């Protein structure tokens, strides 16, 4: 318990991922992609395959699925995916424990920032739809819908705000989150009920938790 308490005492900033970490949108993402795969004559995939091959930048993930950008530009299929996703977003729920963890960290006096590869305006509206906007000191997204990744967003935020990575904890659900945090020298814990499997996450960190409830149990309980 002393180790856990001393660890949290040294953390001033929590950098949250959104998709798959705080919201459960994996099934929706899979359904939308399978609609596109069928439309373009490609083979649909199952959840296990999705969680094994999904990656950033998503353009490379689309290539892995067989999309030919010489025939159909990535921008076109990417926008088609976003339209399908936004139409179905009302089906998305918070991950179990999301509200509780955000609340406990806020009450513990931790600064919380949300940085996502989602479009900035849409991201804010998504967060607001769940009533979570007041938990975050900043909500940062991309200027477009093509999910190139968020490495540059994070680096800019750290540089502009002179963030100490040793006092920062990243919480995410993909190896992309691991790689960003590692490159900055920050701490990172991953949840395994999002877009990447536990087996895949274990390749980049030993701190992999089944979900936010088990992560909270580790952080706050003896």
Foldseek 3Di string as FASTA:
>chain_A
DVVLVVLLVLAQEEEEEDAFAFKACLVQLLVLVQVVCVVVVFDRDDLVVQQVQQDAPNVVSVVVRPDDCVVPNLVVVLVSSVVSCVVPVVPMDTFPCNVVVLVVCVVVNHAYEYEYQAAQVVQVVSCVVVPNVVSHPYYYYDNDGSSNACLVVVVVVCVVVVDDQCNYEYEEADVSSLVSSVVRVHHYAYEARGSHHPVRVVVRDPRYHPGNVRVCCSNPHD
